PDB file of N, CA and C in Angstrom:
ATOM      1  N   UNK A   1      97.650 107.554 133.980  1.00  0.00           N
ATOM      2  CA  UNK A   1      99.089 107.471 133.276  1.00  0.00           C
ATOM      3  C   UNK A   1     100.005 108.555 133.387  1.00  0.00           C
ATOM      4  N   UNK A   2     100.872 108.577 133.890  1.00  0.00           N
ATOM      5  CA  UNK A   2     102.079 109.713 133.833  1.00  0.00           C
ATOM      6  C   UNK A   2     102.683 110.379 132.785  1.00  0.00           C
ATOM      7  N   UNK A   3     102.230 111.561 132.746  1.00  0.00           N
ATOM      8  CA  UNK A   3     103.187 112.173 130.871  1.00  0.00           C
ATOM      9  C   UNK A   3     104.467 112.890 131.295  1.00  0.00           C
ATOM     10  N   UNK A   4     105.518 112.060 130.646  1.00  0.00           N
ATOM     11  CA  UNK A   4     106.609 112.409 130.818  1.00  0.00           C
ATOM     12  C   UNK A   4     107.289 112.928 129.397  1.00  0.00           C
ATOM     13  N   UNK A   5     108.247 113.634 129.722  1.00  0.00           N
ATOM     14  CA  UNK A   5     109.003 114.417 128.710  1.00  0.00           C
ATOM     15  C   UNK A   5     110.378 114.352 128.024  1.00  0.00           C
ATOM     16  N   UNK A   6     110.420 113.864 126.780  1.00  0.00           N
ATOM     17  CA  UNK A   6     111.813 113.156 126.434  1.00  0.00           C
ATOM     18  C   UNK A   6     112.672 114.053 125.649  1.00  0.00           C
ATOM     19  N   UNK A   7     114.032 114.044 125.449  1.00  0.00           N
ATOM     20  CA  UNK A   7     115.100 114.632 124.542  1.00  0.00           C
ATOM     21  C   UNK A   7     115.974 113.471 124.128  1.00  0.00           C
ATOM     22  N   UNK A   8     115.980 113.586 122.435  1.00  0.00           N
ATOM     23  CA  UNK A   8     117.208 112.924 121.892  1.00  0.00           C
ATOM     24  C   UNK A   8     118.228 113.412 121.931  1.00  0.00           C
ATOM     25  N   UNK A   9     119.124 112.574 122.585  1.00  0.00           N
ATOM     26  CA  UNK A   9     120.486 112.982 122.370  1.00  0.00           C
ATOM     27  C   UNK A   9     121.164 113.173 121.039  1.00  0.00           C
ATOM     28  N   UNK A  10     120.531 112.555 119.891  1.00  0.00           N
ATOM     29  CA  UNK A  10     120.978 112.564 118.652  1.00  0.00           C
ATOM     30  C   UNK A  10     120.650 114.198 117.971  1.00  0.00           C
ATOM     31  N   UNK A  11     119.365 114.018 117.609  1.00  0.00           N
ATOM     32  CA  UNK A  11     118.969 114.848 116.910  1.00  0.00           C
ATOM     33  C   UNK A  11     117.917 115.966 117.699  1.00  0.00           C
ATOM     34  N   UNK A  12     118.176 115.722 118.841  1.00  0.00           N
ATOM     35  CA  UNK A  12     117.200 116.937 119.962  1.00  0.00           C
ATOM     36  C   UNK A  12     115.847 117.511 119.920  1.00  0.00           C
ATOM     37  N   UNK A  13     115.589 116.042 119.284  1.00  0.00           N
ATOM     38  CA  UNK A  13     113.904 116.416 119.028  1.00  0.00           C
ATOM     39  C   UNK A  13     113.434 115.875 120.665  1.00  0.00           C
ATOM     40  N   UNK A  14     112.304 116.672 121.017  1.00  0.00           N
ATOM     41  CA  UNK A  14     111.827 116.730 122.183  1.00  0.00           C
ATOM     42  C   UNK A  14     110.383 116.144 121.640  1.00  0.00           C
ATOM     43  N   UNK A  15     110.092 115.349 123.096  1.00  0.00           N
ATOM     44  CA  UNK A  15     108.754 114.683 123.021  1.00  0.00           C
ATOM     45  C   UNK A  15     108.256 114.046 124.158  1.00  0.00           C
ATOM     46  N   UNK A  16     106.734 113.931 124.139  1.00  0.00           N
ATOM     47  CA  UNK A  16     105.920 113.845 125.527  1.00  0.00           C
ATOM     48  C   UNK A  16     105.493 111.965 124.782  1.00  0.00           C
ATOM     49  N   UNK A  17     105.414 111.450 126.439  1.00  0.00           N
ATOM     50  CA  UNK A  17     104.941 109.985 126.189  1.00  0.00           C
ATOM     51  C   UNK A  17     104.250 109.506 127.117  1.00  0.00           C
ATOM     52  N   UNK A  18     103.117 109.032 127.359  1.00  0.00           N
ATOM     53  CA  UNK A  18     102.470 108.680 128.385  1.00  0.00           C
ATOM     54  C   UNK A  18     103.113 107.061 128.752  1.00  0.00           C
ATOM     55  N   UNK A  19     103.464 107.110 130.393  1.00  0.00           N
ATOM     56  CA  UNK A  19     103.986 106.029 130.442  1.00  0.00           C
ATOM     57  C   UNK A  19     103.300 105.385 131.670  1.00  0.00           C
ATOM     58  N   UNK A  20     102.925 104.420 131.670  1.00  0.00           N
ATOM     59  CA  UNK A  20     102.245 103.323 132.602  1.00  0.00           C
ATOM     60  C   UNK A  20     103.374 102.530 133.445  1.00  0.00           C
ATOM     61  N   UNK A  21     102.794 102.693 134.524  1.00  0.00           N
ATOM     62  CA  UNK A  21     103.418 101.889 135.336  1.00  0.00           C
ATOM     63  C   UNK A  21     104.319 100.572 135.241  1.00  0.00           C
ATOM     64  N   UNK A  22     103.273  99.584 134.183  1.00  0.00           N
ATOM     65  CA  UNK A  22     103.754  98.768 133.950  1.00  0.00           C
ATOM     66  C   UNK A  22     104.774  98.520 132.652  1.00  0.00           C
ATOM     67  N   UNK A  23     104.405  99.429 132.008  1.00  0.00           N
ATOM     68  CA  UNK A  23     105.364  99.556 130.904  1.00  0.00           C
ATOM     69  C   UNK A  23     106.978  99.992 130.770  1.00  0.00           C
ATOM     70  N   UNK A  24     107.781 100.239 129.999  1.00  0.00           N
ATOM     71  CA  UNK A  24     109.133 100.114 129.815  1.00  0.00           C
ATOM     72  C   UNK A  24     109.359 101.895 129.772  1.00  0.00           C
ATOM     73  N   UNK A  25     110.342 102.430 130.029  1.00  0.00           N
ATOM     74  CA  UNK A  25     110.606 104.108 129.390  1.00  0.00           C
ATOM     75  C   UNK A  25     110.826 103.738 127.956  1.00  0.00           C
ATOM     76  N   UNK A  26     110.560 105.081 127.746  1.00  0.00           N
ATOM     77  CA  UNK A  26     110.785 105.207 125.944  1.00  0.00           C
ATOM     78  C   UNK A  26     112.194 104.777 125.793  1.00  0.00           C
ATOM     79  N   UNK A  27     112.126 104.024 124.474  1.00  0.00           N
ATOM     80  CA  UNK A  27     113.644 103.351 123.944  1.00  0.00           C
ATOM     81  C   UNK A  27     114.070 103.703 122.895  1.00  0.00           C
ATOM     82  N   UNK A  28     113.411 104.733 122.153  1.00  0.00           N
ATOM     83  CA  UNK A  28     113.638 105.641 121.026  1.00  0.00           C
ATOM     84  C   UNK A  28     113.122 106.527 120.741  1.00  0.00           C
ATOM     85  N   UNK A  29     113.245 107.431 119.849  1.00  0.00           N
ATOM     86  CA  UNK A  29     113.040 108.863 119.302  1.00  0.00           C
ATOM     87  C   UNK A  29     112.194 108.326 118.292  1.00  0.00           C
ATOM     88  N   UNK A  30     110.869 109.447 118.518  1.00  0.00           N
ATOM     89  CA  UNK A  30     109.745 108.713 117.040  1.00  0.00           C
ATOM     90  C   UNK A  30     110.295 109.313 116.042  1.00  0.00           C
ATOM     91  N   UNK A  31     111.203 110.289 115.860  1.00  0.00           N
ATOM     92  CA  UNK A  31     111.891 111.186 114.542  1.00  0.00           C
ATOM     93  C   UNK A  31     112.606 110.673 114.174  1.00  0.00           C
ATOM     94  N   UNK A  32     114.029 110.215 114.739  1.00  0.00           N
ATOM     95  CA  UNK A  32     114.997 109.553 113.958  1.00  0.00           C
ATOM     96  C   UNK A  32     115.185 107.998 114.328  1.00  0.00           C
ATOM     97  N   UNK A  33     114.319 107.439 115.602  1.00  0.00           N
ATOM     98  CA  UNK A  33     114.698 106.317 116.207  1.00  0.00           C
ATOM     99  C   UNK A  33     115.403 106.161 116.599  1.00  0.00           C
ATOM    100  N   UNK A  34     116.344 107.180 117.161  1.00  0.00           N
ATOM    101  CA  UNK A  34     117.680 106.568 117.682  1.00  0.00           C
ATOM    102  C   UNK A  34     117.390 106.158 119.287  1.00  0.00           C
ATOM    103  N   UNK A  35     118.015 105.294 119.824  1.00  0.00           N
ATOM    104  CA  UNK A  35     117.812 104.625 121.271  1.00  0.00           C
ATOM    105  C   UNK A  35     118.488 105.393 122.616  1.00  0.00           C
ATOM    106  N   UNK A  36     118.932 106.834 121.713  1.00  0.00           N
ATOM    107  CA  UNK A  36     119.869 107.609 123.158  1.00  0.00           C
ATOM    108  C   UNK A  36     118.731 108.663 123.293  1.00  0.00           C
ATOM    109  N   UNK A  37     117.743 108.384 123.880  1.00  0.00           N
ATOM    110  CA  UNK A  37     116.966 109.514 124.615  1.00  0.00           C
ATOM    111  C   UNK A  37     117.027 109.656 125.861  1.00  0.00           C
ATOM    112  N   UNK A  38     116.789 110.472 126.707  1.00  0.00           N
ATOM    113  CA  UNK A  38     116.830 111.141 128.244  1.00  0.00           C
ATOM    114  C   UNK A  38     115.650 111.694 128.735  1.00  0.00           C
ATOM    115  N   UNK A  39     115.166 110.762 129.591  1.00  0.00           N
ATOM    116  CA  UNK A  39     114.005 112.028 130.783  1.00  0.00           C
ATOM    117  C   UNK A  39     114.449 113.146 131.079  1.00  0.00           C
ATOM    118  N   UNK A  40     113.308 114.299 130.700  1.00  0.00           N
ATOM    119  CA  UNK A  40     113.306 115.440 131.011  1.00  0.00           C
ATOM    120  C   UNK A  40     112.443 115.796 132.553  1.00  0.00           C
ATOM    121  N   UNK A  41     113.122 116.737 133.081  1.00  0.00           N
ATOM    122  CA  UNK A  41     112.131 117.167 134.506  1.00  0.00           C
ATOM    123  C   UNK A  41     111.460 118.267 133.813  1.00  0.00           C
ATOM    124  N   UNK A  42     109.856 117.958 133.646  1.00  0.00           N
ATOM    125  CA  UNK A  42     108.990 118.756 133.302  1.00  0.00           C
ATOM    126  C   UNK A  42     108.818 119.918 134.712  1.00  0.00           C
ATOM    127  N   UNK A  43     107.992 120.973 134.131  1.00  0.00           N
ATOM    128  CA  UNK A  43     107.722 122.185 135.173  1.00  0.00           C
ATOM    129  C   UNK A  43     106.821 121.578 136.037  1.00  0.00           C
ATOM    130  N   UNK A  44     105.997 120.634 135.576  1.00  0.00           N
ATOM    131  CA  UNK A  44     104.976 120.037 136.778  1.00  0.00           C
ATOM    132  C   UNK A  44     105.368 119.453 137.969  1.00  0.00           C
ATOM    133  N   UNK A  45     106.328 118.904 137.824  1.00  0.00           N
ATOM    134  CA  UNK A  45     107.010 117.980 138.885  1.00  0.00           C
ATOM    135  C   UNK A  45     108.098 118.916 139.272  1.00  0.00           C
ATOM    136  N   UNK A  46     108.191 120.504 138.994  1.00  0.00           N
ATOM    137  CA  UNK A  46     109.255 120.694 140.274  1.00  0.00           C
ATOM    138  C   UNK A  46     108.443 121.495 141.114  1.00  0.00           C
ATOM    139  N   UNK A  47     108.538 121.603 142.615  1.00  0.00           N
ATOM    140  CA  UNK A  47     107.894 122.410 143.657  1.00  0.00           C
ATOM    141  C   UNK A  47     108.609 123.905 143.719  1.00  0.00           C
ATOM    142  N   UNK A  48     107.874 124.609 143.757  1.00  0.00           N
ATOM    143  CA  UNK A  48     108.383 125.998 143.683  1.00  0.00           C
ATOM    144  C   UNK A  48     109.028 126.364 145.662  1.00  0.00           C
ATOM    145  N   UNK A  49     109.963 127.160 145.441  1.00  0.00           N
ATOM    146  CA  UNK A  49     110.388 127.317 146.868  1.00  0.00           C
ATOM    147  C   UNK A  49     109.462 128.143 147.644  1.00  0.00           C
ATOM    148  N   UNK A  50     109.974 128.589 149.011  1.00  0.00           N
ATOM    149  CA  UNK A  50     109.066 129.550 149.596  1.00  0.00           C
ATOM    150  C   UNK A  50     108.239 129.326 150.408  1.00  0.00           C
ATOM    151  N   UNK A  51     107.360 129.874 150.680  1.00  0.00           N
ATOM    152  CA  UNK A  51     106.136 129.577 151.665  1.00  0.00           C
ATOM    153  C   UNK A  51     105.071 128.921 151.590  1.00  0.00           C
ATOM    154  N   UNK A  52     104.624 127.291 152.059  1.00  0.00           N
ATOM    155  CA  UNK A  52     104.081 126.903 151.757  1.00  0.00           C
ATOM    156  C   UNK A  52     102.519 126.950 152.008  1.00  0.00           C
ATOM    157  N   UNK A  53     102.740 128.056 152.976  1.00  0.00           N
ATOM    158  CA  UNK A  53     101.240 128.278 153.638  1.00  0.00           C
ATOM    159  C   UNK A  53     100.534 129.281 152.798  1.00  0.00           C
ATOM    160  N   UNK A  54     101.842 129.825 151.902  1.00  0.00           N
ATOM    161  CA  UNK A  54     101.062 130.835 151.336  1.00  0.00           C
ATOM    162  C   UNK A  54     100.698 130.682 149.965  1.00  0.00           C
ATOM    163  N   UNK A  55     100.405 129.408 149.434  1.00  0.00           N
ATOM    164  CA  UNK A  55     100.033 128.868 148.474  1.00  0.00           C
ATOM    165  C   UNK A  55      99.007 127.494 148.376  1.00  0.00           C
ATOM    166  N   UNK A  56      98.620 127.482 150.142  1.00  0.00           N
ATOM    167  CA  UNK A  56      97.167 126.559 150.750  1.00  0.00           C
ATOM    168  C   UNK A  56      96.319 127.598 150.661  1.00  0.00           C
ATOM    169  N   UNK A  57      95.269 126.575 150.048  1.00  0.00           N
ATOM    170  CA  UNK A  57      93.746 126.912 150.228  1.00  0.00           C
ATOM    171  C   UNK A  57      93.361 127.513 152.076  1.00  0.00           C
ATOM    172  N   UNK A  58      92.786 128.512 151.756  1.00  0.00           N
ATOM    173  CA  UNK A  58      92.538 128.902 153.435  1.00  0.00           C
ATOM    174  C   UNK A  58      91.173 127.535 153.999  1.00  0.00           C
ATOM    175  N   UNK A  59      91.366 127.501 155.407  1.00  0.00           N
ATOM    176  CA  UNK A  59      90.619 126.553 155.893  1.00  0.00           C
ATOM    177  C   UNK A  59      89.081 127.083 155.754  1.00  0.00           C
ATOM    178  N   UNK A  60      88.033 126.287 155.689  1.00  0.00           N
ATOM    179  CA  UNK A  60      86.636 126.653 155.726  1.00  0.00           C
ATOM    180  C   UNK A  60      86.559 127.263 156.930  1.00  0.00           C
ATOM    181  N   UNK A  61      85.461 128.396 156.990  1.00  0.00           N
ATOM    182  CA  UNK A  61      85.108 128.896 158.366  1.00  0.00           C
ATOM    183  C   UNK A  61      84.606 127.683 158.982  1.00  0.00           C
ATOM    184  N   UNK A  62      84.316 128.258 160.245  1.00  0.00           N
ATOM    185  CA  UNK A  62      83.886 127.280 161.402  1.00  0.00           C
ATOM    186  C   UNK A  62      82.013 127.433 161.113  1.00  0.00           C
ATOM    187  N   UNK A  63      81.462 126.668 161.709  1.00  0.00           N
ATOM    188  CA  UNK A  63      79.991 127.031 161.621  1.00  0.00           C
ATOM    189  C   UNK A  63      79.549 127.516 163.092  1.00  0.00           C
ATOM    190  N   UNK A  64      78.938 128.404 163.405  1.00  0.00           N
ATOM    191  CA  UNK A  64      78.581 129.353 164.804  1.00  0.00           C
ATOM    192  C   UNK A  64      77.355 128.439 165.030  1.00  0.00           C
ATOM    193  N   UNK A  65      77.449 128.506 166.439  1.00  0.00           N
ATOM    194  CA  UNK A  65      76.292 127.411 167.036  1.00  0.00           C
ATOM    195  C   UNK A  65      74.591 128.608 166.789  1.00  0.00           C
ATOM    196  N   UNK A  66      73.756 127.362 166.554  1.00  0.00           N
ATOM    197  CA  UNK A  66      72.785 128.037 166.462  1.00  0.00           C
ATOM    198  C   UNK A  66      72.499 128.837 164.997  1.00  0.00           C
ATOM    199  N   UNK A  67      73.356 128.696 164.074  1.00  0.00           N
ATOM    200  CA  UNK A  67      72.933 129.638 162.718  1.00  0.00           C
ATOM    201  C   UNK A  67      73.299 129.032 161.640  1.00  0.00           C
TER     202      UNK A  67
END
């Protein structure tokens, strides 16, 4: 289950919730119980720009024949 970060638009409380694909998105703030919440973009879901090859793992060395 993915972990999502939310923020209440009423009291500005930030909280995280595990949300399964079959469940509804969070409907209430756990602090003030207001239903005006928004899903935030978490740092884990943002891809950094730049060269993808620079962050890719190096390929395994080839096996030498007879070795």
